């Protein structure tokens, strides 16, 4: 168990982990999805897709599809299906 903190967290709710141990957090108050590495370091965040701002993302799950993920996001009374392609950090 560990604690993940971010200065922009409002009320983190949903949580998912992908096969590379990246942690995804849905935050309805911040209206964003945050992505962290296994040590809790922030990797990315987003609060919109296709020009549509999130309303209240409360939960999420991921499905691996070839070289990308499908993120299923419960956003208020909408279920969004988002195609994610996350590149690996360059060394």
PDB file of N, CA and C in Angstrom:
ATOM      1  N   UNK A   1       0.850  -1.179   0.000  1.00  0.00           N
ATOM      2  CA  UNK A   1       0.000   0.000   0.000  1.00  0.00           C
ATOM      3  C   UNK A   1       0.890   1.235   0.000  1.00  0.00           C
ATOM      4  N   UNK A   2       0.441   2.223  -0.756  1.00  0.00           N
ATOM      5  CA  UNK A   2       1.117   3.508  -0.728  1.00  0.00           C
ATOM      6  C   UNK A   2       0.106   4.602  -1.004  1.00  0.00           C
ATOM      7  N   UNK A   3       0.515   5.795  -0.714  1.00  0.00           N
ATOM      8  CA  UNK A   3      -0.328   6.952  -0.938  1.00  0.00           C
ATOM      9  C   UNK A   3       0.134   7.665  -2.201  1.00  0.00           C
ATOM     10  N   UNK A   4      -0.815   8.039  -3.028  1.00  0.00           N
ATOM     11  CA  UNK A   4      -0.513   8.845  -4.202  1.00  0.00           C
ATOM     12  C   UNK A   4      -1.150  10.207  -3.975  1.00  0.00           C
ATOM     13  N   UNK A   5      -0.330  11.242  -4.112  1.00  0.00           N
ATOM     14  CA  UNK A   5      -0.825  12.598  -3.911  1.00  0.00           C
ATOM     15  C   UNK A   5      -0.541  13.436  -5.153  1.00  0.00           C
ATOM     16  N   UNK A   6      -1.397  14.406  -5.374  1.00  0.00           N
ATOM     17  CA  UNK A   6      -1.216  15.342  -6.479  1.00  0.00           C
ATOM     18  C   UNK A   6      -1.844  16.665  -6.044  1.00  0.00           C
ATOM     19  N   UNK A   7      -1.196  17.788  -6.317  1.00  0.00           N
ATOM     20  CA  UNK A   7      -1.759  19.067  -5.861  1.00  0.00           C
ATOM     21  C   UNK A   7      -3.112  19.417  -6.480  1.00  0.00           C
ATOM     22  N   UNK A   8      -3.440  18.812  -7.618  1.00  0.00           N
ATOM     23  CA  UNK A   8      -4.714  19.105  -8.273  1.00  0.00           C
ATOM     24  C   UNK A   8      -5.823  18.124  -7.926  1.00  0.00           C
ATOM     25  N   UNK A   9      -5.547  17.127  -7.062  1.00  0.00           N
ATOM     26  CA  UNK A   9      -6.606  16.206  -6.648  1.00  0.00           C
ATOM     27  C   UNK A   9      -7.702  16.981  -5.932  1.00  0.00           C
ATOM     28  N   UNK A  10      -8.958  16.639  -6.272  1.00  0.00           N
ATOM     29  CA  UNK A  10     -10.107  17.187  -5.574  1.00  0.00           C
ATOM     30  C   UNK A  10     -10.711  16.124  -4.680  1.00  0.00           C
ATOM     31  N   UNK A  11     -11.206  15.068  -5.318  1.00  0.00           N
ATOM     32  CA  UNK A  11     -11.754  13.923  -4.590  1.00  0.00           C
ATOM     33  C   UNK A  11     -11.550  12.679  -5.457  1.00  0.00           C
ATOM     34  N   UNK A  12     -10.309  12.159  -5.498  1.00  0.00           N
ATOM     35  CA  UNK A  12     -10.033  10.992  -6.338  1.00  0.00           C
ATOM     36  C   UNK A  12     -10.975   9.839  -6.016  1.00  0.00           C
ATOM     37  N   UNK A  13     -11.440   9.173  -7.070  1.00  0.00           N
ATOM     38  CA  UNK A  13     -12.448   8.130  -6.880  1.00  0.00           C
ATOM     39  C   UNK A  13     -12.023   6.823  -7.542  1.00  0.00           C
ATOM     40  N   UNK A  14     -12.205   6.703  -8.851  1.00  0.00           N
ATOM     41  CA  UNK A  14     -11.923   5.460  -9.555  1.00  0.00           C
ATOM     42  C   UNK A  14     -10.438   5.234  -9.761  1.00  0.00           C
ATOM     43  N   UNK A  15     -10.062   3.962  -9.833  1.00  0.00           N
ATOM     44  CA  UNK A  15      -8.656   3.579  -9.939  1.00  0.00           C
ATOM     45  C   UNK A  15      -8.530   2.378 -10.865  1.00  0.00           C
ATOM     46  N   UNK A  16      -7.517   2.406 -11.732  1.00  0.00           N
ATOM     47  CA  UNK A  16      -7.215   1.266 -12.598  1.00  0.00           C
ATOM     48  C   UNK A  16      -5.704   1.206 -12.789  1.00  0.00           C
ATOM     49  N   UNK A  17      -5.201   0.021 -13.121  1.00  0.00           N
ATOM     50  CA  UNK A  17      -3.774  -0.180 -13.361  1.00  0.00           C
ATOM     51  C   UNK A  17      -3.621  -0.943 -14.665  1.00  0.00           C
ATOM     52  N   UNK A  18      -2.693  -0.477 -15.528  1.00  0.00           N
ATOM     53  CA  UNK A  18      -2.489  -1.180 -16.793  1.00  0.00           C
ATOM     54  C   UNK A  18      -1.387  -2.232 -16.655  1.00  0.00           C
ATOM     55  N   UNK A  19      -1.079  -2.919 -17.739  1.00  0.00           N
ATOM     56  CA  UNK A  19      -0.114  -4.011 -17.687  1.00  0.00           C
ATOM     57  C   UNK A  19       1.328  -3.524 -17.539  1.00  0.00           C
ATOM     58  N   UNK A  20       1.557  -2.224 -17.597  1.00  0.00           N
ATOM     59  CA  UNK A  20       2.890  -1.656 -17.362  1.00  0.00           C
ATOM     60  C   UNK A  20       2.948  -0.944 -16.004  1.00  0.00           C
ATOM     61  N   UNK A  21       1.976  -1.261 -15.169  1.00  0.00           N
ATOM     62  CA  UNK A  21       1.887  -0.733 -13.809  1.00  0.00           C
ATOM     63  C   UNK A  21       1.722   0.771 -13.727  1.00  0.00           C
ATOM     64  N   UNK A  22       1.093   1.353 -14.744  1.00  0.00           N
ATOM     65  CA  UNK A  22       0.718   2.758 -14.653  1.00  0.00           C
ATOM     66  C   UNK A  22      -0.636   2.809 -13.955  1.00  0.00           C
ATOM     67  N   UNK A  23      -0.787   3.768 -13.065  1.00  0.00           N
ATOM     68  CA  UNK A  23      -1.990   3.894 -12.254  1.00  0.00           C
ATOM     69  C   UNK A  23      -2.829   5.058 -12.792  1.00  0.00           C
ATOM     70  N   UNK A  24      -4.097   4.789 -13.060  1.00  0.00           N
ATOM     71  CA  UNK A  24      -5.024   5.781 -13.596  1.00  0.00           C
ATOM     72  C   UNK A  24      -6.022   6.122 -12.493  1.00  0.00           C
ATOM     73  N   UNK A  25      -6.225   7.408 -12.264  1.00  0.00           N
ATOM     74  CA  UNK A  25      -7.134   7.857 -11.210  1.00  0.00           C
ATOM     75  C   UNK A  25      -8.157   8.821 -11.810  1.00  0.00           C
ATOM     76  N   UNK A  26      -9.437   8.516 -11.636  1.00  0.00           N
ATOM     77  CA  UNK A  26     -10.516   9.414 -12.047  1.00  0.00           C
ATOM     78  C   UNK A  26     -10.860  10.314 -10.865  1.00  0.00           C
ATOM     79  N   UNK A  27     -10.957  11.607 -11.126  1.00  0.00           N
ATOM     80  CA  UNK A  27     -11.263  12.561 -10.058  1.00  0.00           C
ATOM     81  C   UNK A  27     -12.439  13.439 -10.507  1.00  0.00           C
ATOM     82  N   UNK A  28     -13.628  13.207  -9.922  1.00  0.00           N
ATOM     83  CA  UNK A  28     -14.805  13.959 -10.350  1.00  0.00           C
ATOM     84  C   UNK A  28     -14.746  15.443  -9.995  1.00  0.00           C
ATOM     85  N   UNK A  29     -14.124  15.787  -8.893  1.00  0.00           N
ATOM     86  CA  UNK A  29     -14.051  17.193  -8.503  1.00  0.00           C
ATOM     87  C   UNK A  29     -13.068  17.960  -9.391  1.00  0.00           C
ATOM     88  N   UNK A  30     -11.934  17.346  -9.700  1.00  0.00           N
ATOM     89  CA  UNK A  30     -10.944  17.977 -10.585  1.00  0.00           C
ATOM     90  C   UNK A  30     -11.356  17.866 -12.056  1.00  0.00           C
ATOM     91  N   UNK A  31     -12.320  16.974 -12.339  1.00  0.00           N
ATOM     92  CA  UNK A  31     -12.813  16.725 -13.705  1.00  0.00           C
ATOM     93  C   UNK A  31     -11.697  16.257 -14.635  1.00  0.00           C
ATOM     94  N   UNK A  32     -10.833  15.382 -14.089  1.00  0.00           N
ATOM     95  CA  UNK A  32      -9.707  14.893 -14.879  1.00  0.00           C
ATOM     96  C   UNK A  32      -9.393  13.443 -14.551  1.00  0.00           C
ATOM     97  N   UNK A  33      -8.597  12.849 -15.431  1.00  0.00           N
ATOM     98  CA  UNK A  33      -7.981  11.548 -15.203  1.00  0.00           C
ATOM     99  C   UNK A  33      -6.485  11.803 -15.075  1.00  0.00           C
ATOM    100  N   UNK A  34      -5.900  11.269 -14.019  1.00  0.00           N
ATOM    101  CA  UNK A  34      -4.470  11.407 -13.757  1.00  0.00           C
ATOM    102  C   UNK A  34      -3.801  10.060 -13.989  1.00  0.00           C
ATOM    103  N   UNK A  35      -2.580  10.084 -14.491  1.00  0.00           N
ATOM    104  CA  UNK A  35      -1.814   8.853 -14.712  1.00  0.00           C
ATOM    105  C   UNK A  35      -0.500   8.968 -13.961  1.00  0.00           C
ATOM    106  N   UNK A  36      -0.167   7.908 -13.198  1.00  0.00           N
ATOM    107  CA  UNK A  36       1.042   7.875 -12.375  1.00  0.00           C
ATOM    108  C   UNK A  36       1.835   6.613 -12.672  1.00  0.00           C
ATOM    109  N   UNK A  37       3.124   6.655 -12.367  1.00  0.00           N
ATOM    110  CA  UNK A  37       3.895   5.416 -12.412  1.00  0.00           C
ATOM    111  C   UNK A  37       3.693   4.687 -11.088  1.00  0.00           C
ATOM    112  N   UNK A  38       4.282   3.525 -10.968  1.00  0.00           N
ATOM    113  CA  UNK A  38       4.084   2.686  -9.783  1.00  0.00           C
ATOM    114  C   UNK A  38       4.602   3.338  -8.497  1.00  0.00           C
ATOM    115  N   UNK A  39       5.549   4.263  -8.623  1.00  0.00           N
ATOM    116  CA  UNK A  39       6.086   4.969  -7.456  1.00  0.00           C
ATOM    117  C   UNK A  39       5.274   6.201  -7.088  1.00  0.00           C
ATOM    118  N   UNK A  40       4.206   6.471  -7.851  1.00  0.00           N
ATOM    119  CA  UNK A  40       3.355   7.612  -7.557  1.00  0.00           C
ATOM    120  C   UNK A  40       3.781   8.901  -8.234  1.00  0.00           C
ATOM    121  N   UNK A  41       4.736   8.818  -9.154  1.00  0.00           N
ATOM    122  CA  UNK A  41       5.163  10.009  -9.897  1.00  0.00           C
ATOM    123  C   UNK A  41       4.171  10.306 -11.011  1.00  0.00           C
ATOM    124  N   UNK A  42       3.746  11.571 -11.148  1.00  0.00           N
ATOM    125  CA  UNK A  42       2.783  11.894 -12.203  1.00  0.00           C
ATOM    126  C   UNK A  42       3.397  11.749 -13.589  1.00  0.00           C
ATOM    127  N   UNK A  43       2.640  11.123 -14.496  1.00  0.00           N
ATOM    128  CA  UNK A  43       3.070  10.945 -15.881  1.00  0.00           C
ATOM    129  C   UNK A  43       2.267  11.823 -16.830  1.00  0.00           C
ATOM    130  N   UNK A  44       0.968  11.944 -16.581  1.00  0.00           N
ATOM    131  CA  UNK A  44       0.089  12.712 -17.465  1.00  0.00           C
ATOM    132  C   UNK A  44      -1.235  12.951 -16.764  1.00  0.00           C
ATOM    133  N   UNK A  45      -2.011  13.844 -17.348  1.00  0.00           N
ATOM    134  CA  UNK A  45      -3.387  14.074 -16.905  1.00  0.00           C
ATOM    135  C   UNK A  45      -4.160  14.660 -18.074  1.00  0.00           C
ATOM    136  N   UNK A  46      -5.456  14.398 -18.088  1.00  0.00           N
ATOM    137  CA  UNK A  46      -6.296  14.985 -19.127  1.00  0.00           C
ATOM    138  C   UNK A  46      -7.715  15.134 -18.609  1.00  0.00           C
ATOM    139  N   UNK A  47      -8.402  16.152 -19.125  1.00  0.00           N
ATOM    140  CA  UNK A  47      -9.752  16.448 -18.676  1.00  0.00           C
ATOM    141  C   UNK A  47     -10.725  16.646 -19.818  1.00  0.00           C
ATOM    142  N   UNK A  48     -10.294  16.245 -21.012  1.00  0.00           N
ATOM    143  CA  UNK A  48     -11.155  16.371 -22.187  1.00  0.00           C
ATOM    144  C   UNK A  48     -10.692  15.370 -23.230  1.00  0.00           C
ATOM    145  N   UNK A  49     -11.591  15.063 -24.136  1.00  0.00           N
ATOM    146  CA  UNK A  49     -11.261  14.215 -25.276  1.00  0.00           C
ATOM    147  C   UNK A  49     -12.123  14.670 -26.445  1.00  0.00           C
ATOM    148  N   UNK A  50     -11.507  14.792 -27.603  1.00  0.00           N
ATOM    149  CA  UNK A  50     -12.244  15.226 -28.783  1.00  0.00           C
ATOM    150  C   UNK A  50     -12.925  16.573 -28.613  1.00  0.00           C
ATOM    151  N   UNK A  51     -12.324  17.452 -27.818  1.00  0.00           N
ATOM    152  CA  UNK A  51     -12.905  18.777 -27.586  1.00  0.00           C
ATOM    153  C   UNK A  51     -14.003  18.813 -26.540  1.00  0.00           C
ATOM    154  N   UNK A  52     -14.372  17.652 -25.990  1.00  0.00           N
ATOM    155  CA  UNK A  52     -15.409  17.596 -24.959  1.00  0.00           C
ATOM    156  C   UNK A  52     -14.782  17.474 -23.583  1.00  0.00           C
ATOM    157  N   UNK A  53     -15.068  18.446 -22.727  1.00  0.00           N
ATOM    158  CA  UNK A  53     -14.556  18.453 -21.356  1.00  0.00           C
ATOM    159  C   UNK A  53     -15.311  17.424 -20.518  1.00  0.00           C
ATOM    160  N   UNK A  54     -14.589  16.761 -19.619  1.00  0.00           N
ATOM    161  CA  UNK A  54     -15.232  15.793 -18.730  1.00  0.00           C
ATOM    162  C   UNK A  54     -16.170  16.515 -17.767  1.00  0.00           C
ATOM    163  N   UNK A  55     -17.256  15.827 -17.411  1.00  0.00           N
ATOM    164  CA  UNK A  55     -18.245  16.368 -16.483  1.00  0.00           C
ATOM    165  C   UNK A  55     -17.910  15.999 -15.040  1.00  0.00           C
ATOM    166  N   UNK A  56     -17.856  14.698 -14.801  1.00  0.00           N
ATOM    167  CA  UNK A  56     -17.636  14.185 -13.444  1.00  0.00           C
ATOM    168  C   UNK A  56     -17.128  12.754 -13.538  1.00  0.00           C
ATOM    169  N   UNK A  57     -15.844  12.557 -13.914  1.00  0.00           N
ATOM    170  CA  UNK A  57     -15.324  11.192 -14.063  1.00  0.00           C
ATOM    171  C   UNK A  57     -15.176  10.492 -12.708  1.00  0.00           C
ATOM    172  N   UNK A  58     -15.976   9.460 -12.492  1.00  0.00           N
ATOM    173  CA  UNK A  58     -15.992   8.802 -11.186  1.00  0.00           C
ATOM    174  C   UNK A  58     -15.334   7.425 -11.167  1.00  0.00           C
ATOM    175  N   UNK A  59     -15.279   6.744 -12.311  1.00  0.00           N
ATOM    176  CA  UNK A  59     -14.674   5.419 -12.325  1.00  0.00           C
ATOM    177  C   UNK A  59     -14.178   5.111 -13.731  1.00  0.00           C
ATOM    178  N   UNK A  60     -13.251   4.160 -13.805  1.00  0.00           N
ATOM    179  CA  UNK A  60     -12.671   3.809 -15.094  1.00  0.00           C
ATOM    180  C   UNK A  60     -12.109   2.401 -15.057  1.00  0.00           C
ATOM    181  N   UNK A  61     -11.934   1.854 -16.243  1.00  0.00           N
ATOM    182  CA  UNK A  61     -11.255   0.570 -16.407  1.00  0.00           C
ATOM    183  C   UNK A  61     -10.554   0.593 -17.758  1.00  0.00           C
ATOM    184  N   UNK A  62      -9.596  -0.306 -17.934  1.00  0.00           N
ATOM    185  CA  UNK A  62      -8.795  -0.360 -19.153  1.00  0.00           C
ATOM    186  C   UNK A  62      -8.855  -1.727 -19.776  1.00  0.00           C
ATOM    187  N   UNK A  63      -8.826  -1.755 -21.105  1.00  0.00           N
ATOM    188  CA  UNK A  63      -8.695  -3.001 -21.850  1.00  0.00           C
ATOM    189  C   UNK A  63      -7.552  -2.824 -22.837  1.00  0.00           C
ATOM    190  N   UNK A  64      -6.631  -3.766 -22.849  1.00  0.00           N
ATOM    191  CA  UNK A  64      -5.509  -3.718 -23.789  1.00  0.00           C
ATOM    192  C   UNK A  64      -5.985  -4.185 -25.153  1.00  0.00           C
ATOM    193  N   UNK A  65      -5.671  -3.410 -26.194  1.00  0.00           N
ATOM    194  CA  UNK A  65      -6.031  -3.739 -27.576  1.00  0.00           C
ATOM    195  C   UNK A  65      -4.791  -3.530 -28.428  1.00  0.00           C
ATOM    196  N   UNK A  66      -4.111  -4.598 -28.789  1.00  0.00           N
ATOM    197  CA  UNK A  66      -2.902  -4.520 -29.605  1.00  0.00           C
ATOM    198  C   UNK A  66      -1.904  -3.526 -29.002  1.00  0.00           C
ATOM    199  N   UNK A  67      -1.651  -2.398 -29.686  1.00  0.00           N
ATOM    200  CA  UNK A  67      -0.650  -1.434 -29.220  1.00  0.00           C
ATOM    201  C   UNK A  67      -1.267  -0.240 -28.484  1.00  0.00           C
ATOM    202  N   UNK A  68      -2.540  -0.344 -28.107  1.00  0.00           N
ATOM    203  CA  UNK A  68      -3.175   0.760 -27.389  1.00  0.00           C
ATOM    204  C   UNK A  68      -4.119   0.199 -26.329  1.00  0.00           C
ATOM    205  N   UNK A  69      -4.680   1.097 -25.540  1.00  0.00           N
ATOM    206  CA  UNK A  69      -5.662   0.735 -24.518  1.00  0.00           C
ATOM    207  C   UNK A  69      -6.984   1.395 -24.860  1.00  0.00           C
ATOM    208  N   UNK A  70      -8.055   0.735 -24.495  1.00  0.00           N
ATOM    209  CA  UNK A  70      -9.358   1.371 -24.492  1.00  0.00           C
ATOM    210  C   UNK A  70      -9.659   1.698 -23.042  1.00  0.00           C
ATOM    211  N   UNK A  71      -9.900   2.961 -22.782  1.00  0.00           N
ATOM    212  CA  UNK A  71     -10.246   3.423 -21.452  1.00  0.00           C
ATOM    213  C   UNK A  71     -11.757   3.619 -21.423  1.00  0.00           C
ATOM    214  N   UNK A  72     -12.420   2.920 -20.528  1.00  0.00           N
ATOM    215  CA  UNK A  72     -13.857   3.067 -20.332  1.00  0.00           C
ATOM    216  C   UNK A  72     -14.033   3.948 -19.099  1.00  0.00           C
ATOM    217  N   UNK A  73     -14.625   5.114 -19.297  1.00  0.00           N
ATOM    218  CA  UNK A  73     -14.712   6.121 -18.252  1.00  0.00           C
ATOM    219  C   UNK A  73     -16.175   6.439 -17.965  1.00  0.00           C
ATOM    220  N   UNK A  74     -16.589   6.266 -16.718  1.00  0.00           N
ATOM    221  CA  UNK A  74     -17.922   6.696 -16.298  1.00  0.00           C
ATOM    222  C   UNK A  74     -17.795   8.166 -15.920  1.00  0.00           C
ATOM    223  N   UNK A  75     -18.434   9.011 -16.712  1.00  0.00           N
ATOM    224  CA  UNK A  75     -18.316  10.462 -16.582  1.00  0.00           C
ATOM    225  C   UNK A  75     -19.710  11.044 -16.399  1.00  0.00           C
ATOM    226  N   UNK A  76     -20.123  11.162 -15.152  1.00  0.00           N
ATOM    227  CA  UNK A  76     -21.497  11.592 -14.877  1.00  0.00           C
ATOM    228  C   UNK A  76     -22.444  10.525 -15.363  1.00  0.00           C
ATOM    229  N   UNK A  77     -23.345  10.884 -16.265  1.00  0.00           N
ATOM    230  CA  UNK A  77     -24.290   9.902 -16.797  1.00  0.00           C
ATOM    231  C   UNK A  77     -23.894   9.421 -18.191  1.00  0.00           C
ATOM    232  N   UNK A  78     -22.610   9.602 -18.537  1.00  0.00           N
ATOM    233  CA  UNK A  78     -22.080   9.192 -19.841  1.00  0.00           C
ATOM    234  C   UNK A  78     -20.992   8.141 -19.639  1.00  0.00           C
ATOM    235  N   UNK A  79     -20.945   7.162 -20.503  1.00  0.00           N
ATOM    236  CA  UNK A  79     -19.813   6.238 -20.529  1.00  0.00           C
ATOM    237  C   UNK A  79     -18.988   6.588 -21.761  1.00  0.00           C
ATOM    238  N   UNK A  80     -17.775   7.025 -21.532  1.00  0.00           N
ATOM    239  CA  UNK A  80     -16.883   7.395 -22.634  1.00  0.00           C
ATOM    240  C   UNK A  80     -15.929   6.234 -22.904  1.00  0.00           C
ATOM    241  N   UNK A  81     -15.691   5.944 -24.162  1.00  0.00           N
ATOM    242  CA  UNK A  81     -14.712   4.941 -24.559  1.00  0.00           C
ATOM    243  C   UNK A  81     -13.622   5.693 -25.303  1.00  0.00           C
ATOM    244  N   UNK A  82     -12.422   5.677 -24.730  1.00  0.00           N
ATOM    245  CA  UNK A  82     -11.326   6.505 -25.211  1.00  0.00           C
ATOM    246  C   UNK A  82     -10.164   5.616 -25.634  1.00  0.00           C
ATOM    247  N   UNK A  83      -9.636   5.850 -26.819  1.00  0.00           N
ATOM    248  CA  UNK A  83      -8.469   5.117 -27.295  1.00  0.00           C
ATOM    249  C   UNK A  83      -7.222   5.845 -26.799  1.00  0.00           C
ATOM    250  N   UNK A  84      -6.394   5.131 -26.040  1.00  0.00           N
ATOM    251  CA  UNK A  84      -5.164   5.705 -25.497  1.00  0.00           C
ATOM    252  C   UNK A  84      -3.947   5.036 -26.104  1.00  0.00           C
ATOM    253  N   UNK A  85      -3.026   5.822 -26.582  1.00  0.00           N
ATOM    254  CA  UNK A  85      -1.723   5.321 -26.994  1.00  0.00           C
ATOM    255  C   UNK A  85      -0.710   6.086 -26.169  1.00  0.00           C
ATOM    256  N   UNK A  86      -0.097   5.394 -25.233  1.00  0.00           N
ATOM    257  CA  UNK A  86       0.835   6.036 -24.320  1.00  0.00           C
ATOM    258  C   UNK A  86       2.244   5.580 -24.677  1.00  0.00           C
ATOM    259  N   UNK A  87       3.074   6.542 -25.016  1.00  0.00           N
ATOM    260  CA  UNK A  87       4.453   6.198 -25.372  1.00  0.00           C
ATOM    261  C   UNK A  87       5.270   5.989 -24.107  1.00  0.00           C
ATOM    262  N   UNK A  88       6.310   5.223 -24.255  1.00  0.00           N
ATOM    263  CA  UNK A  88       7.223   4.976 -23.145  1.00  0.00           C
ATOM    264  C   UNK A  88       8.165   6.163 -23.006  1.00  0.00           C
ATOM    265  N   UNK A  89       8.575   6.493 -21.766  1.00  0.00           N
ATOM    266  CA  UNK A  89       9.509   7.592 -21.586  1.00  0.00           C
ATOM    267  C   UNK A  89      10.843   7.315 -22.283  1.00  0.00           C
ATOM    268  N   UNK A  90      11.417   8.346 -22.849  1.00  0.00           N
ATOM    269  CA  UNK A  90      12.725   8.190 -23.517  1.00  0.00           C
ATOM    270  C   UNK A  90      13.826   8.277 -22.495  1.00  0.00           C
ATOM    271  N   UNK A  91      14.844   7.472 -22.689  1.00  0.00           N
ATOM    272  CA  UNK A  91      15.979   7.473 -21.745  1.00  0.00           C
ATOM    273  C   UNK A  91      17.163   8.162 -22.356  1.00  0.00           C
TER     274      UNK A  91
END
